[in-house]
Amino acid sequence: MAFASFMASTAGRTLRVIVGLGLIGWGGYLALGANSMVVGILLAIVGLLPLVAGLLDVCVFAPLFGAPFSGANVRAHAR
């Protein structure tokens, strides 16, 4: 539950957005600059998951730990 609580916090959401943007940027670099089109596109697509999850305040892995999917519900459940 501690992992889900951290990921639902402001710091966790910020971390997910930063990681998502980093993966998308790295994928763009590989696709355009390093001539690894397939790997770059796949990496950019994978980067969308943490980016969108952080922006929409959902924790994709929280249900695996018995916590709610919604970040607001995780924070309310942790109190």
PDB file of N, CA and C in Angstrom:
ATOM      1  N   MET A   1       0.823  -1.195   0.000  1.00  0.00           N
ATOM      2  CA  MET A   1       0.000   0.000   0.000  1.00  0.00           C
ATOM      3  C   MET A   1       0.870   1.264   0.000  1.00  0.00           C
ATOM      4  N   ALA A   2       2.065   1.169   0.539  1.00  0.00           N
ATOM      5  CA  ALA A   2       2.947   2.338   0.571  1.00  0.00           C
ATOM      6  C   ALA A   2       3.340   2.759  -0.842  1.00  0.00           C
ATOM      7  N   PHE A   3       3.560   1.773  -1.716  1.00  0.00           N
ATOM      8  CA  PHE A   3       3.904   2.089  -3.103  1.00  0.00           C
ATOM      9  C   PHE A   3       2.757   2.825  -3.786  1.00  0.00           C
ATOM     10  N   ALA A   4       1.536   2.318  -3.614  1.00  0.00           N
ATOM     11  CA  ALA A   4       0.372   2.957  -4.231  1.00  0.00           C
ATOM     12  C   ALA A   4       0.152   4.346  -3.648  1.00  0.00           C
ATOM     13  N   SER A   5       0.381   4.514  -2.358  1.00  0.00           N
ATOM     14  CA  SER A   5       0.226   5.834  -1.740  1.00  0.00           C
ATOM     15  C   SER A   5       1.232   6.830  -2.295  1.00  0.00           C
ATOM     16  N   PHE A   6       2.481   6.374  -2.476  1.00  0.00           N
ATOM     17  CA  PHE A   6       3.483   7.267  -3.052  1.00  0.00           C
ATOM     18  C   PHE A   6       3.130   7.637  -4.481  1.00  0.00           C
ATOM     19  N   MET A   7       2.726   6.663  -5.283  1.00  0.00           N
ATOM     20  CA  MET A   7       2.414   6.934  -6.682  1.00  0.00           C
ATOM     21  C   MET A   7       1.195   7.829  -6.834  1.00  0.00           C
ATOM     22  N   ALA A   8       0.295   7.836  -5.841  1.00  0.00           N
ATOM     23  CA  ALA A   8      -0.883   8.700  -5.889  1.00  0.00           C
ATOM     24  C   ALA A   8      -0.588  10.095  -5.350  1.00  0.00           C
ATOM     25  N   SER A   9       0.574  10.264  -4.712  1.00  0.00           N
ATOM     26  CA  SER A   9       0.929  11.578  -4.170  1.00  0.00           C
ATOM     27  C   SER A   9       1.363  12.512  -5.299  1.00  0.00           C
ATOM     28  N   THR A  10       1.502  13.779  -4.971  1.00  0.00           N
ATOM     29  CA  THR A  10       1.948  14.764  -5.958  1.00  0.00           C
ATOM     30  C   THR A  10       3.342  14.415  -6.481  1.00  0.00           C
ATOM     31  N   ALA A  11       4.219  13.976  -5.593  1.00  0.00           N
ATOM     32  CA  ALA A  11       5.570  13.601  -6.017  1.00  0.00           C
ATOM     33  C   ALA A  11       5.539  12.401  -6.959  1.00  0.00           C
ATOM     34  N   GLY A  12       4.707  11.425  -6.668  1.00  0.00           N
ATOM     35  CA  GLY A  12       4.593  10.244  -7.520  1.00  0.00           C
ATOM     36  C   GLY A  12       4.019  10.577  -8.885  1.00  0.00           C
ATOM     37  N   ARG A  13       3.005  11.430  -8.895  1.00  0.00           N
ATOM     38  CA  ARG A  13       2.413  11.842 -10.176  1.00  0.00           C
ATOM     39  C   ARG A  13       3.424  12.623 -10.998  1.00  0.00           C
ATOM     40  N   THR A  14       4.166  13.510 -10.352  1.00  0.00           N
ATOM     41  CA  THR A  14       5.188  14.290 -11.055  1.00  0.00           C
ATOM     42  C   THR A  14       6.264  13.375 -11.617  1.00  0.00           C
ATOM     43  N   LEU A  15       6.679  12.403 -10.819  1.00  0.00           N
ATOM     44  CA  LEU A  15       7.684  11.443 -11.276  1.00  0.00           C
ATOM     45  C   LEU A  15       7.195  10.676 -12.495  1.00  0.00           C
ATOM     46  N   ARG A  16       5.934  10.238 -12.486  1.00  0.00           N
ATOM     47  CA  ARG A  16       5.389   9.503 -13.632  1.00  0.00           C
ATOM     48  C   ARG A  16       5.349  10.369 -14.886  1.00  0.00           C
ATOM     49  N   VAL A  17       4.975  11.630 -14.740  1.00  0.00           N
ATOM     50  CA  VAL A  17       4.938  12.529 -15.899  1.00  0.00           C
ATOM     51  C   VAL A  17       6.348  12.739 -16.450  1.00  0.00           C
ATOM     52  N   ILE A  18       7.310  12.947 -15.576  1.00  0.00           N
ATOM     53  CA  ILE A  18       8.691  13.164 -16.012  1.00  0.00           C
ATOM     54  C   ILE A  18       9.249  11.914 -16.695  1.00  0.00           C
ATOM     55  N   VAL A  19       9.009  10.755 -16.109  1.00  0.00           N
ATOM     56  CA  VAL A  19       9.484   9.499 -16.713  1.00  0.00           C
ATOM     57  C   VAL A  19       8.817   9.279 -18.069  1.00  0.00           C
ATOM     58  N   GLY A  20       7.518   9.537 -18.144  1.00  0.00           N
ATOM     59  CA  GLY A  20       6.807   9.385 -19.415  1.00  0.00           C
ATOM     60  C   GLY A  20       7.366  10.294 -20.492  1.00  0.00           C
ATOM     61  N   LEU A  21       7.581  11.557 -20.139  1.00  0.00           N
ATOM     62  CA  LEU A  21       8.158  12.494 -21.106  1.00  0.00           C
ATOM     63  C   LEU A  21       9.571  12.088 -21.509  1.00  0.00           C
ATOM     64  N   GLY A  22      10.338  11.580 -20.549  1.00  0.00           N
ATOM     65  CA  GLY A  22      11.688  11.117 -20.843  1.00  0.00           C
ATOM     66  C   GLY A  22      11.696   9.936 -21.804  1.00  0.00           C
ATOM     67  N   LEU A  23      10.794   8.985 -21.574  1.00  0.00           N
ATOM     68  CA  LEU A  23      10.714   7.832 -22.465  1.00  0.00           C
ATOM     69  C   LEU A  23      10.263   8.237 -23.868  1.00  0.00           C
ATOM     70  N   ILE A  24       9.313   9.160 -23.940  1.00  0.00           N
ATOM     71  CA  ILE A  24       8.855   9.643 -25.242  1.00  0.00           C
ATOM     72  C   ILE A  24       9.991  10.378 -25.956  1.00  0.00           C
ATOM     73  N   GLY A  25      10.726  11.203 -25.236  1.00  0.00           N
ATOM     74  CA  GLY A  25      11.859  11.908 -25.828  1.00  0.00           C
ATOM     75  C   GLY A  25      12.954  10.968 -26.293  1.00  0.00           C
ATOM     76  N   TRP A  26      13.248   9.965 -25.471  1.00  0.00           N
ATOM     77  CA  TRP A  26      14.261   8.980 -25.826  1.00  0.00           C
ATOM     78  C   TRP A  26      13.812   8.197 -27.061  1.00  0.00           C
ATOM     79  N   GLY A  27      12.534   7.840 -27.087  1.00  0.00           N
ATOM     80  CA  GLY A  27      12.003   7.145 -28.257  1.00  0.00           C
ATOM     81  C   GLY A  27      12.077   8.003 -29.506  1.00  0.00           C
ATOM     82  N   GLY A  28      11.783   9.291 -29.363  1.00  0.00           N
ATOM     83  CA  GLY A  28      11.902  10.202 -30.496  1.00  0.00           C
ATOM     84  C   GLY A  28      13.328  10.323 -30.984  1.00  0.00           C
ATOM     85  N   TYR A  29      14.261  10.373 -30.051  1.00  0.00           N
ATOM     86  CA  TYR A  29      15.675  10.431 -30.426  1.00  0.00           C
ATOM     87  C   TYR A  29      16.089   9.171 -31.180  1.00  0.00           C
ATOM     88  N   LEU A  30      15.676   8.014 -30.666  1.00  0.00           N
ATOM     89  CA  LEU A  30      16.048   6.765 -31.334  1.00  0.00           C
ATOM     90  C   LEU A  30      15.402   6.664 -32.713  1.00  0.00           C
ATOM     91  N   ALA A  31      14.144   7.078 -32.807  1.00  0.00           N
ATOM     92  CA  ALA A  31      13.431   6.961 -34.082  1.00  0.00           C
ATOM     93  C   ALA A  31      13.975   7.928 -35.127  1.00  0.00           C
ATOM     94  N   LEU A  32      14.313   9.130 -34.717  1.00  0.00           N
ATOM     95  CA  LEU A  32      14.729  10.146 -35.684  1.00  0.00           C
ATOM     96  C   LEU A  32      16.236  10.299 -35.798  1.00  0.00           C
ATOM     97  N   GLY A  33      16.934  10.193 -34.675  1.00  0.00           N
ATOM     98  CA  GLY A  33      18.362  10.480 -34.692  1.00  0.00           C
ATOM     99  C   GLY A  33      19.249   9.269 -34.806  1.00  0.00           C
ATOM    100  N   ALA A  34      18.853   8.164 -34.208  1.00  0.00           N
ATOM    101  CA  ALA A  34      19.732   6.997 -34.167  1.00  0.00           C
ATOM    102  C   ALA A  34      19.312   5.919 -35.150  1.00  0.00           C
ATOM    103  N   ASN A  35      18.328   6.206 -35.984  1.00  0.00           N
ATOM    104  CA  ASN A  35      17.872   5.274 -37.011  1.00  0.00           C
ATOM    105  C   ASN A  35      17.397   3.933 -36.454  1.00  0.00           C
ATOM    106  N   SER A  36      16.754   3.951 -35.306  1.00  0.00           N
ATOM    107  CA  SER A  36      16.119   2.764 -34.737  1.00  0.00           C
ATOM    108  C   SER A  36      14.628   3.040 -34.665  1.00  0.00           C
ATOM    109  N   MET A  37      13.991   3.091 -35.805  1.00  0.00           N
ATOM    110  CA  MET A  37      12.597   3.519 -35.903  1.00  0.00           C
ATOM    111  C   MET A  37      11.661   2.666 -35.045  1.00  0.00           C
ATOM    112  N   VAL A  38      11.735   1.359 -35.156  1.00  0.00           N
ATOM    113  CA  VAL A  38      10.799   0.481 -34.455  1.00  0.00           C
ATOM    114  C   VAL A  38      10.987   0.590 -32.945  1.00  0.00           C
ATOM    115  N   VAL A  39      12.217   0.515 -32.482  1.00  0.00           N
ATOM    116  CA  VAL A  39      12.496   0.605 -31.052  1.00  0.00           C
ATOM    117  C   VAL A  39      12.069   1.976 -30.519  1.00  0.00           C
ATOM    118  N   GLY A  40      12.348   3.014 -31.273  1.00  0.00           N
ATOM    119  CA  GLY A  40      11.976   4.364 -30.849  1.00  0.00           C
ATOM    120  C   GLY A  40      10.479   4.549 -30.735  1.00  0.00           C
ATOM    121  N   ILE A  41       9.748   4.048 -31.697  1.00  0.00           N
ATOM    122  CA  ILE A  41       8.288   4.174 -31.647  1.00  0.00           C
ATOM    123  C   ILE A  41       7.719   3.370 -30.484  1.00  0.00           C
ATOM    124  N   LEU A  42       8.220   2.157 -30.288  1.00  0.00           N
ATOM    125  CA  LEU A  42       7.754   1.343 -29.161  1.00  0.00           C
ATOM    126  C   LEU A  42       8.050   2.011 -27.830  1.00  0.00           C
ATOM    127  N   LEU A  43       9.226   2.588 -27.698  1.00  0.00           N
ATOM    128  CA  LEU A  43       9.591   3.269 -26.459  1.00  0.00           C
ATOM    129  C   LEU A  43       8.710   4.491 -26.219  1.00  0.00           C
ATOM    130  N   ALA A  44       8.401   5.218 -27.267  1.00  0.00           N
ATOM    131  CA  ALA A  44       7.511   6.372 -27.141  1.00  0.00           C
ATOM    132  C   ALA A  44       6.101   5.939 -26.745  1.00  0.00           C
ATOM    133  N   ILE A  45       5.635   4.833 -27.294  1.00  0.00           N
ATOM    134  CA  ILE A  45       4.311   4.327 -26.937  1.00  0.00           C
ATOM    135  C   ILE A  45       4.285   3.876 -25.482  1.00  0.00           C
ATOM    136  N   VAL A  46       5.330   3.198 -25.033  1.00  0.00           N
ATOM    137  CA  VAL A  46       5.431   2.781 -23.634  1.00  0.00           C
ATOM    138  C   VAL A  46       5.466   4.010 -22.720  1.00  0.00           C
ATOM    139  N   GLY A  47       6.113   5.083 -23.154  1.00  0.00           N
ATOM    140  CA  GLY A  47       6.182   6.317 -22.376  1.00  0.00           C
ATOM    141  C   GLY A  47       4.836   6.991 -22.199  1.00  0.00           C
ATOM    142  N   LEU A  48       3.892   6.703 -23.083  1.00  0.00           N
ATOM    143  CA  LEU A  48       2.557   7.288 -22.942  1.00  0.00           C
ATOM    144  C   LEU A  48       1.834   6.788 -21.686  1.00  0.00           C
ATOM    145  N   LEU A  49       2.089   5.541 -21.281  1.00  0.00           N
ATOM    146  CA  LEU A  49       1.399   4.983 -20.112  1.00  0.00           C
ATOM    147  C   LEU A  49       1.666   5.776 -18.837  1.00  0.00           C
ATOM    148  N   PRO A  50       2.919   5.981 -18.420  1.00  0.00           N
ATOM    149  CA  PRO A  50       3.117   6.760 -17.196  1.00  0.00           C
ATOM    150  C   PRO A  50       2.717   8.229 -17.355  1.00  0.00           C
ATOM    151  N   LEU A  51       2.878   8.776 -18.553  1.00  0.00           N
ATOM    152  CA  LEU A  51       2.494  10.166 -18.779  1.00  0.00           C
ATOM    153  C   LEU A  51       0.988  10.353 -18.584  1.00  0.00           C
ATOM    154  N   VAL A  52       0.207   9.537 -19.262  1.00  0.00           N
ATOM    155  CA  VAL A  52      -1.253   9.657 -19.169  1.00  0.00           C
ATOM    156  C   VAL A  52      -1.739   9.293 -17.772  1.00  0.00           C
ATOM    157  N   ALA A  53      -1.146   8.270 -17.165  1.00  0.00           N
ATOM    158  CA  ALA A  53      -1.554   7.878 -15.813  1.00  0.00           C
ATOM    159  C   ALA A  53      -1.282   9.006 -14.814  1.00  0.00           C
ATOM    160  N   GLY A  54      -0.153   9.669 -14.950  1.00  0.00           N
ATOM    161  CA  GLY A  54       0.155  10.787 -14.055  1.00  0.00           C
ATOM    162  C   GLY A  54      -0.760  11.973 -14.280  1.00  0.00           C
ATOM    163  N   LEU A  55      -1.071  12.260 -15.526  1.00  0.00           N
ATOM    164  CA  LEU A  55      -1.939  13.400 -15.829  1.00  0.00           C
ATOM    165  C   LEU A  55      -3.388  13.146 -15.418  1.00  0.00           C
ATOM    166  N   LEU A  56      -3.843  11.903 -15.543  1.00  0.00           N
ATOM    167  CA  LEU A  56      -5.236  11.581 -15.218  1.00  0.00           C
ATOM    168  C   LEU A  56      -5.430  11.148 -13.767  1.00  0.00           C
ATOM    169  N   ASP A  57      -4.358  11.108 -12.986  1.00  0.00           N
ATOM    170  CA  ASP A  57      -4.407  10.737 -11.571  1.00  0.00           C
ATOM    171  C   ASP A  57      -4.975   9.337 -11.368  1.00  0.00           C
ATOM    172  N   VAL A  58      -4.430   8.396 -12.115  1.00  0.00           N
ATOM    173  CA  VAL A  58      -4.760   6.993 -11.906  1.00  0.00           C
ATOM    174  C   VAL A  58      -3.466   6.237 -11.635  1.00  0.00           C
ATOM    175  N   CYS A  59      -3.575   5.186 -10.874  1.00  0.00           N
ATOM    176  CA  CYS A  59      -2.411   4.359 -10.562  1.00  0.00           C
ATOM    177  C   CYS A  59      -2.667   2.974 -11.141  1.00  0.00           C
ATOM    178  N   VAL A  60      -2.033   2.667 -12.247  1.00  0.00           N
ATOM    179  CA  VAL A  60      -2.282   1.440 -12.990  1.00  0.00           C
ATOM    180  C   VAL A  60      -1.952   0.205 -12.159  1.00  0.00           C
ATOM    181  N   PHE A  61      -0.908   0.267 -11.357  1.00  0.00           N
ATOM    182  CA  PHE A  61      -0.471  -0.897 -10.592  1.00  0.00           C
ATOM    183  C   PHE A  61      -1.098  -0.990  -9.204  1.00  0.00           C
ATOM    184  N   ALA A  62      -1.843  -0.004  -8.781  1.00  0.00           N
ATOM    185  CA  ALA A  62      -2.445  -0.018  -7.447  1.00  0.00           C
ATOM    186  C   ALA A  62      -3.354  -1.217  -7.210  1.00  0.00           C
ATOM    187  N   PRO A  63      -4.181  -1.627  -8.182  1.00  0.00           N
ATOM    188  CA  PRO A  63      -5.026  -2.803  -7.926  1.00  0.00           C
ATOM    189  C   PRO A  63      -4.225  -4.081  -7.639  1.00  0.00           C
ATOM    190  N   LEU A  64      -2.996  -4.157  -8.137  1.00  0.00           N
ATOM    191  CA  LEU A  64      -2.157  -5.319  -7.824  1.00  0.00           C
ATOM    192  C   LEU A  64      -1.796  -5.382  -6.350  1.00  0.00           C
ATOM    193  N   PHE A  65      -1.810  -4.218  -5.682  1.00  0.00           N
ATOM    194  CA  PHE A  65      -1.492  -4.136  -4.265  1.00  0.00           C
ATOM    195  C   PHE A  65      -2.746  -4.018  -3.407  1.00  0.00           C
ATOM    196  N   GLY A  66      -3.903  -4.227  -4.013  1.00  0.00           N
ATOM    197  CA  GLY A  66      -5.157  -4.167  -3.270  1.00  0.00           C
ATOM    198  C   GLY A  66      -5.656  -2.759  -3.028  1.00  0.00           C
ATOM    199  N   ALA A  67      -5.152  -1.800  -3.761  1.00  0.00           N
ATOM    200  CA  ALA A  67      -5.562  -0.400  -3.609  1.00  0.00           C
ATOM    201  C   ALA A  67      -6.468  -0.020  -4.781  1.00  0.00           C
ATOM    202  N   PRO A  68      -7.247   1.042  -4.625  1.00  0.00           N
ATOM    203  CA  PRO A  68      -8.116   1.478  -5.724  1.00  0.00           C
ATOM    204  C   PRO A  68      -7.319   1.991  -6.925  1.00  0.00           C
ATOM    205  N   PHE A  69      -7.955   2.002  -8.092  1.00  0.00           N
ATOM    206  CA  PHE A  69      -7.335   2.452  -9.346  1.00  0.00           C
ATOM    207  C   PHE A  69      -7.168   3.965  -9.375  1.00  0.00           C
ATOM    208  N   SER A  70      -8.129   4.702  -8.837  1.00  0.00           N
ATOM    209  CA  SER A  70      -8.112   6.167  -8.851  1.00  0.00           C
ATOM    210  C   SER A  70      -7.147   6.694  -7.788  1.00  0.00           C
ATOM    211  N   GLY A  71      -6.354   7.684  -8.180  1.00  0.00           N
ATOM    212  CA  GLY A  71      -5.420   8.277  -7.230  1.00  0.00           C
ATOM    213  C   GLY A  71      -6.109   8.942  -6.062  1.00  0.00           C
ATOM    214  N   ALA A  72      -7.234   9.591  -6.311  1.00  0.00           N
ATOM    215  CA  ALA A  72      -7.986  10.228  -5.227  1.00  0.00           C
ATOM    216  C   ALA A  72      -8.498   9.186  -4.239  1.00  0.00           C
ATOM    217  N   ASN A  73      -8.935   8.050  -4.750  1.00  0.00           N
ATOM    218  CA  ASN A  73      -9.409   6.983  -3.865  1.00  0.00           C
ATOM    219  C   ASN A  73      -8.264   6.354  -3.085  1.00  0.00           C
ATOM    220  N   VAL A  74      -7.097   6.256  -3.694  1.00  0.00           N
ATOM    221  CA  VAL A  74      -5.919   5.730  -2.978  1.00  0.00           C
ATOM    222  C   VAL A  74      -5.572   6.648  -1.820  1.00  0.00           C
ATOM    223  N   ARG A  75      -5.571   7.966  -2.087  1.00  0.00           N
ATOM    224  CA  ARG A  75      -5.250   8.909  -1.015  1.00  0.00           C
ATOM    225  C   ARG A  75      -6.295   8.865   0.096  1.00  0.00           C
ATOM    226  N   ALA A  76      -7.563   8.727  -0.277  1.00  0.00           N
ATOM    227  CA  ALA A  76      -8.630   8.654   0.743  1.00  0.00           C
ATOM    228  C   ALA A  76      -8.544   7.348   1.520  1.00  0.00           C
ATOM    229  N   HIS A  77      -8.188   6.271   0.859  1.00  0.00           N
ATOM    230  CA  HIS A  77      -8.071   4.963   1.500  1.00  0.00           C
ATOM    231  C   HIS A  77      -6.894   4.925   2.453  1.00  0.00           C
ATOM    232  N   ALA A  78      -5.834   5.682   2.164  1.00  0.00           N
ATOM    233  CA  ALA A  78      -4.628   5.680   2.989  1.00  0.00           C
ATOM    234  C   ALA A  78      -4.797   6.453   4.286  1.00  0.00           C
ATOM    235  N   ARG A  79      -5.801   7.294   4.360  1.00  0.00           N
ATOM    236  CA  ARG A  79      -5.989   8.100   5.583  1.00  0.00           C
ATOM    237  C   ARG A  79      -6.542   7.299   6.726  1.00  0.00           C
TER     238      ARG A  79
END
